[in-house]
């Protein structure tokens, strides 16, 4: 390889490295930066989740932050979801169920909320209602990847001691 070819090849490799090392975040004047920015409500949710996960603060402080978010925006998906999660963690299953139901009212295609809703119904001892909900949700969303709901449903129907002898499971797919 002659010297000119070697220099050209080195320049190409060096140029590629420089491109790889350049920051990939959009500049503040571009329209994409608005999508990257975190809203004040989202920031409160993140702070509340951090407080709970790290155990560094008072859990009620985290709950208060989430309540502020939902008061400011009653349809804030993450605020509702994490209030539901924390309600489940503290054994307040009725409150958790209400939060997940709200999410599904505003966002009917939210599969994660649907799974939590069904799990909470079952945890409340309302397994038949949970089965019916899952059956309807699976019917209403035939093209979605709902393997977690299908697994949940199947875990309830396999060897279910609560089902009367000779009865068919509510859900078949």
C-alpha atoms as a PDB file:
ATOM      1  CA  UNK A   1       0.000   0.000   0.000  1.00  0.00           C
ATOM      2  CA  UNK A   2       1.487   3.318  -0.987  1.00  0.00           C
ATOM      3  CA  UNK A   3       1.719   6.258   1.354  1.00  0.00           C
ATOM      4  CA  UNK A   4      -1.229   8.196  -0.184  1.00  0.00           C
ATOM      5  CA  UNK A   5      -3.582   5.216   0.148  1.00  0.00           C
ATOM      6  CA  UNK A   6      -2.430   4.703   3.744  1.00  0.00           C
ATOM      7  CA  UNK A   7      -3.140   8.346   4.618  1.00  0.00           C
ATOM      8  CA  UNK A   8      -6.558   8.218   2.927  1.00  0.00           C
ATOM      9  CA  UNK A   9      -7.509   5.018   4.786  1.00  0.00           C
ATOM     10  CA  UNK A  10      -6.351   6.518   8.096  1.00  0.00           C
ATOM     11  CA  UNK A  11      -8.348   9.683   7.459  1.00  0.00           C
ATOM     12  CA  UNK A  12     -11.502   7.644   6.767  1.00  0.00           C
ATOM     13  CA  UNK A  13     -11.072   5.610   9.956  1.00  0.00           C
ATOM     14  CA  UNK A  14     -10.357   8.738  11.984  1.00  0.00           C
ATOM     15  CA  UNK A  15     -13.407  10.487  10.487  1.00  0.00           C
ATOM     16  CA  UNK A  16     -15.609   7.516  11.336  1.00  0.00           C
ATOM     17  CA  UNK A  17     -14.349   7.562  14.931  1.00  0.00           C
ATOM     18  CA  UNK A  18     -15.072  11.272  15.248  1.00  0.00           C
ATOM     19  CA  UNK A  19     -18.622  10.722  13.980  1.00  0.00           C
ATOM     20  CA  UNK A  20     -19.160   7.917  16.478  1.00  0.00           C
ATOM     21  CA  UNK A  21     -17.963  10.054  19.364  1.00  0.00           C
ATOM     22  CA  UNK A  22     -20.094  13.096  18.553  1.00  0.00           C
ATOM     23  CA  UNK A  23     -23.060  13.663  20.902  1.00  0.00           C
ATOM     24  CA  UNK A  24     -26.288  12.286  19.522  1.00  0.00           C
ATOM     25  CA  UNK A  25     -28.727  14.452  21.475  1.00  0.00           C
ATOM     26  CA  UNK A  26     -30.496  17.088  19.404  1.00  0.00           C
ATOM     27  CA  UNK A  27     -29.654  20.735  19.902  1.00  0.00           C
ATOM     28  CA  UNK A  28     -32.068  22.851  21.904  1.00  0.00           C
ATOM     29  CA  UNK A  29     -33.378  24.611  18.812  1.00  0.00           C
ATOM     30  CA  UNK A  30     -34.518  21.496  16.986  1.00  0.00           C
ATOM     31  CA  UNK A  31     -38.078  20.134  17.160  1.00  0.00           C
ATOM     32  CA  UNK A  32     -36.800  16.785  18.457  1.00  0.00           C
ATOM     33  CA  UNK A  33     -35.558  18.407  21.654  1.00  0.00           C
ATOM     34  CA  UNK A  34     -39.137  19.006  22.780  1.00  0.00           C
ATOM     35  CA  UNK A  35     -39.688  15.235  22.763  1.00  0.00           C
ATOM     36  CA  UNK A  36     -36.558  14.622  24.835  1.00  0.00           C
ATOM     37  CA  UNK A  37     -37.415  17.252  27.444  1.00  0.00           C
ATOM     38  CA  UNK A  38     -39.070  15.995  30.612  1.00  0.00           C
ATOM     39  CA  UNK A  39     -42.223  17.778  31.706  1.00  0.00           C
ATOM     40  CA  UNK A  40     -42.438  19.009  35.309  1.00  0.00           C
ATOM     41  CA  UNK A  41     -45.092  16.367  36.004  1.00  0.00           C
ATOM     42  CA  UNK A  42     -42.903  13.596  34.598  1.00  0.00           C
ATOM     43  CA  UNK A  43     -40.022  14.886  36.721  1.00  0.00           C
ATOM     44  CA  UNK A  44     -42.216  14.616  39.836  1.00  0.00           C
ATOM     45  CA  UNK A  45     -43.137  11.036  38.944  1.00  0.00           C
ATOM     46  CA  UNK A  46     -39.474  10.145  38.441  1.00  0.00           C
ATOM     47  CA  UNK A  47     -38.580  11.710  41.784  1.00  0.00           C
ATOM     48  CA  UNK A  48     -41.375   9.829  43.558  1.00  0.00           C
ATOM     49  CA  UNK A  49     -40.302   6.515  42.039  1.00  0.00           C
ATOM     50  CA  UNK A  50     -36.679   7.230  42.951  1.00  0.00           C
ATOM     51  CA  UNK A  51     -37.650   7.962  46.574  1.00  0.00           C
ATOM     52  CA  UNK A  52     -39.512   4.669  46.845  1.00  0.00           C
ATOM     53  CA  UNK A  53     -36.983   2.528  44.999  1.00  0.00           C
ATOM     54  CA  UNK A  54     -33.955   3.905  46.839  1.00  0.00           C
ATOM     55  CA  UNK A  55     -35.723   4.040  50.176  1.00  0.00           C
ATOM     56  CA  UNK A  56     -33.985   7.366  50.809  1.00  0.00           C
ATOM     57  CA  UNK A  57     -37.018   9.423  51.684  1.00  0.00           C
ATOM     58  CA  UNK A  58     -40.352   9.314  53.350  1.00  0.00           C
ATOM     59  CA  UNK A  59     -42.736   7.136  51.274  1.00  0.00           C
ATOM     60  CA  UNK A  60     -45.539   9.601  51.991  1.00  0.00           C
ATOM     61  CA  UNK A  61     -43.448  12.312  50.316  1.00  0.00           C
ATOM     62  CA  UNK A  62     -43.369  10.161  47.181  1.00  0.00           C
ATOM     63  CA  UNK A  63     -47.113   9.540  47.361  1.00  0.00           C
ATOM     64  CA  UNK A  64     -47.707  13.278  47.822  1.00  0.00           C
ATOM     65  CA  UNK A  65     -45.681  14.001  44.673  1.00  0.00           C
ATOM     66  CA  UNK A  66     -47.727  11.476  42.699  1.00  0.00           C
ATOM     67  CA  UNK A  67     -50.980  12.919  44.012  1.00  0.00           C
ATOM     68  CA  UNK A  68     -49.854  16.379  42.914  1.00  0.00           C
ATOM     69  CA  UNK A  69     -49.241  15.000  39.435  1.00  0.00           C
ATOM     70  CA  UNK A  70     -52.680  13.374  39.211  1.00  0.00           C
ATOM     71  CA  UNK A  71     -54.375  16.490  40.613  1.00  0.00           C
ATOM     72  CA  UNK A  72     -52.664  18.605  37.951  1.00  0.00           C
ATOM     73  CA  UNK A  73     -53.402  16.045  35.212  1.00  0.00           C
ATOM     74  CA  UNK A  74     -56.036  13.415  36.120  1.00  0.00           C
ATOM     75  CA  UNK A  75     -55.102  11.466  32.978  1.00  0.00           C
ATOM     76  CA  UNK A  76     -51.341  11.325  33.664  1.00  0.00           C
ATOM     77  CA  UNK A  77     -50.634   7.695  32.900  1.00  0.00           C
ATOM     78  CA  UNK A  78     -47.424   7.293  34.890  1.00  0.00           C
ATOM     79  CA  UNK A  79     -48.769   9.172  37.895  1.00  0.00           C
ATOM     80  CA  UNK A  80     -51.825   6.907  38.007  1.00  0.00           C
ATOM     81  CA  UNK A  81     -49.773   3.780  37.349  1.00  0.00           C
ATOM     82  CA  UNK A  82     -47.263   4.381  40.119  1.00  0.00           C
ATOM     83  CA  UNK A  83     -50.008   5.336  42.574  1.00  0.00           C
ATOM     84  CA  UNK A  84     -51.561   1.980  41.700  1.00  0.00           C
ATOM     85  CA  UNK A  85     -48.251   0.174  42.160  1.00  0.00           C
ATOM     86  CA  UNK A  86     -47.588   1.790  45.526  1.00  0.00           C
ATOM     87  CA  UNK A  87     -51.170   1.079  46.618  1.00  0.00           C
ATOM     88  CA  UNK A  88     -50.614  -2.598  45.784  1.00  0.00           C
ATOM     89  CA  UNK A  89     -47.324  -2.600  47.673  1.00  0.00           C
ATOM     90  CA  UNK A  90     -49.066  -1.239  50.767  1.00  0.00           C
ATOM     91  CA  UNK A  91     -51.982  -3.676  50.520  1.00  0.00           C
ATOM     92  CA  UNK A  92     -54.533  -1.074  49.401  1.00  0.00           C
ATOM     93  CA  UNK A  93     -55.823  -3.252  46.592  1.00  0.00           C
ATOM     94  CA  UNK A  94     -59.128  -1.413  46.088  1.00  0.00           C
ATOM     95  CA  UNK A  95     -57.248   1.851  45.517  1.00  0.00           C
ATOM     96  CA  UNK A  96     -54.813   0.135  43.164  1.00  0.00           C
ATOM     97  CA  UNK A  97     -57.700  -1.329  41.189  1.00  0.00           C
ATOM     98  CA  UNK A  98     -59.263   2.133  40.848  1.00  0.00           C
ATOM     99  CA  UNK A  99     -55.965   3.564  39.526  1.00  0.00           C
ATOM    100  CA  UNK A 100     -55.549   0.825  36.933  1.00  0.00           C
ATOM    101  CA  UNK A 101     -59.197   1.183  35.906  1.00  0.00           C
ATOM    102  CA  UNK A 102     -58.634   4.902  35.369  1.00  0.00           C
ATOM    103  CA  UNK A 103     -55.638   4.209  33.155  1.00  0.00           C
ATOM    104  CA  UNK A 104     -57.680   1.741  31.088  1.00  0.00           C
ATOM    105  CA  UNK A 105     -60.487   4.279  30.799  1.00  0.00           C
ATOM    106  CA  UNK A 106     -58.117   6.872  29.340  1.00  0.00           C
ATOM    107  CA  UNK A 107     -55.736   4.458  27.586  1.00  0.00           C
ATOM    108  CA  UNK A 108     -57.669   1.294  26.673  1.00  0.00           C
ATOM    109  CA  UNK A 109     -54.648  -0.223  24.908  1.00  0.00           C
ATOM    110  CA  UNK A 110     -52.347  -0.030  27.940  1.00  0.00           C
ATOM    111  CA  UNK A 111     -51.400  -3.675  28.293  1.00  0.00           C
ATOM    112  CA  UNK A 112     -49.298  -3.195  31.414  1.00  0.00           C
ATOM    113  CA  UNK A 113     -52.246  -1.594  33.216  1.00  0.00           C
ATOM    114  CA  UNK A 114     -54.493  -4.409  31.970  1.00  0.00           C
ATOM    115  CA  UNK A 115     -52.178  -7.033  33.487  1.00  0.00           C
ATOM    116  CA  UNK A 116     -52.036  -5.174  36.806  1.00  0.00           C
ATOM    117  CA  UNK A 117     -55.823  -4.715  36.780  1.00  0.00           C
ATOM    118  CA  UNK A 118     -56.377  -8.454  36.264  1.00  0.00           C
ATOM    119  CA  UNK A 119     -53.785  -9.391  38.895  1.00  0.00           C
ATOM    120  CA  UNK A 120     -55.363  -7.036  41.406  1.00  0.00           C
ATOM    121  CA  UNK A 121     -58.839  -8.432  40.760  1.00  0.00           C
ATOM    122  CA  UNK A 122     -57.468 -11.909  41.441  1.00  0.00           C
ATOM    123  CA  UNK A 123     -55.642 -10.675  44.559  1.00  0.00           C
ATOM    124  CA  UNK A 124     -58.955  -9.308  45.802  1.00  0.00           C
ATOM    125  CA  UNK A 125     -60.469 -12.784  45.414  1.00  0.00           C
ATOM    126  CA  UNK A 126     -62.468 -11.739  42.346  1.00  0.00           C
ATOM    127  CA  UNK A 127     -60.944 -14.389  40.095  1.00  0.00           C
ATOM    128  CA  UNK A 128     -64.023 -14.932  37.929  1.00  0.00           C
ATOM    129  CA  UNK A 129     -64.201 -11.216  37.225  1.00  0.00           C
ATOM    130  CA  UNK A 130     -60.472 -11.249  36.442  1.00  0.00           C
ATOM    131  CA  UNK A 131     -60.961 -14.130  33.992  1.00  0.00           C
ATOM    132  CA  UNK A 132     -63.818 -12.323  32.282  1.00  0.00           C
ATOM    133  CA  UNK A 133     -61.769  -9.144  32.046  1.00  0.00           C
ATOM    134  CA  UNK A 134     -58.807 -10.995  30.527  1.00  0.00           C
ATOM    135  CA  UNK A 135     -61.047 -12.800  28.035  1.00  0.00           C
ATOM    136  CA  UNK A 136     -62.594  -9.524  26.898  1.00  0.00           C
ATOM    137  CA  UNK A 137     -59.249  -7.748  26.749  1.00  0.00           C
ATOM    138  CA  UNK A 138     -57.711 -10.524  24.652  1.00  0.00           C
ATOM    139  CA  UNK A 139     -60.727 -10.436  22.323  1.00  0.00           C
ATOM    140  CA  UNK A 140     -60.571  -6.645  22.006  1.00  0.00           C
ATOM    141  CA  UNK A 141     -56.828  -6.703  21.217  1.00  0.00           C
ATOM    142  CA  UNK A 142     -56.361  -9.713  18.906  1.00  0.00           C
ATOM    143  CA  UNK A 143     -53.232  -8.406  17.147  1.00  0.00           C
ATOM    144  CA  UNK A 144     -51.304  -7.249  20.210  1.00  0.00           C
ATOM    145  CA  UNK A 145     -48.567  -9.223  21.942  1.00  0.00           C
ATOM    146  CA  UNK A 146     -50.417 -10.049  25.120  1.00  0.00           C
ATOM    147  CA  UNK A 147     -48.352 -13.039  26.193  1.00  0.00           C
ATOM    148  CA  UNK A 148     -48.245 -11.773  29.785  1.00  0.00           C
ATOM    149  CA  UNK A 149     -52.059 -11.714  29.972  1.00  0.00           C
ATOM    150  CA  UNK A 150     -52.262 -15.105  28.291  1.00  0.00           C
ATOM    151  CA  UNK A 151     -49.782 -16.541  30.804  1.00  0.00           C
ATOM    152  CA  UNK A 152     -51.736 -14.992  33.646  1.00  0.00           C
ATOM    153  CA  UNK A 153     -54.967 -16.464  32.341  1.00  0.00           C
ATOM    154  CA  UNK A 154     -53.364 -19.864  31.864  1.00  0.00           C
ATOM    155  CA  UNK A 155     -51.940 -19.836  35.390  1.00  0.00           C
ATOM    156  CA  UNK A 156     -55.482 -19.407  36.702  1.00  0.00           C
ATOM    157  CA  UNK A 157     -57.000 -22.163  34.586  1.00  0.00           C
ATOM    158  CA  UNK A 158     -54.335 -24.868  35.001  1.00  0.00           C
ATOM    159  CA  UNK A 159     -55.252 -26.983  37.994  1.00  0.00           C
ATOM    160  CA  UNK A 160     -57.595 -24.356  39.386  1.00  0.00           C
ATOM    161  CA  UNK A 161     -58.927 -25.882  42.611  1.00  0.00           C
ATOM    162  CA  UNK A 162     -61.653 -23.234  42.799  1.00  0.00           C
ATOM    163  CA  UNK A 163     -63.357 -24.407  39.607  1.00  0.00           C
ATOM    164  CA  UNK A 164     -66.232 -26.831  40.156  1.00  0.00           C
ATOM    165  CA  UNK A 165     -65.595 -30.346  38.959  1.00  0.00           C
ATOM    166  CA  UNK A 166     -66.450 -30.811  35.291  1.00  0.00           C
ATOM    167  CA  UNK A 167     -66.684 -27.080  34.583  1.00  0.00           C
ATOM    168  CA  UNK A 168     -64.963 -25.507  31.629  1.00  0.00           C
ATOM    169  CA  UNK A 169     -62.544 -22.663  32.325  1.00  0.00           C
ATOM    170  CA  UNK A 170     -64.054 -19.297  31.490  1.00  0.00           C
ATOM    171  CA  UNK A 171     -61.158 -18.484  29.186  1.00  0.00           C
ATOM    172  CA  UNK A 172     -60.201 -20.603  26.234  1.00  0.00           C
ATOM    173  CA  UNK A 173     -58.016 -19.357  23.468  1.00  0.00           C
END
